[in-house]
């Protein structure tokens, strides 16, 4: 993470280490480029602030993209910025960054961004209809009925889950998770089984991990809601 604000670095470190990630820090763009170039094991992703002392985030990105090691030169770079305007975002992407997060960012937004960027993460298929189609035994209308029910009912539950998590109401989050679990299983949402388990039981020992579990579950459900409509026939 390349960020000159110590508080921002500390908050981000707590977030990523809560996911089990290893985090290295750099306070300016030049040190960030040097770390990317010299670290024995290439990084998976770089979170790059834009306004940095010395070498700014855009110039640091250009320097990384120019490295002779192709793996290091092509690693995902996520812009961290207080500028949320579309023109700024387009400028960052044109400079070689892969995504943009507006500060202060939400945990769910960070998770969703990294899922989309990192190979081997939860960025595989958002759902798997294999089991549902097997149960349907060729009755496509049955499959479509389940899909339409999911798309009709789950958005409200997702809103309720986010509200419960924001209020640290983990008993309510447990009820909501228990309620939507069969729907998740019906369309083959497998990547968040551990998050579902933690939220559904809401055990005291799991309390420190529940905000992350809620963010992961909400991000994955949002992916399903975005991608699942492609299974429906086009309206004539």
Foldseek 3Di string as FASTA:
>chain_A
DADQDPVVVVVVVVLVVLVVDDDDYHNFLVVVLVCCQPPPDHDQEAEAEQDGPDQGRLNSLLSQLPDPPNVRNQHAYEYEEQDPDPVVQVVSVVSPHDYYAHPPHDSLVVVLVCLCRGPPAVVDDLFAQPVLCVVCVPVVVSVVVLLVVCLVPVVVLLVQLVVCLVVVVLVSNLVSLVVCVVSRVNRGRDNLPVLSVCSNVVDPVCSVSNSVSSSVVSNSSVVCSVPVVVSDDDDD
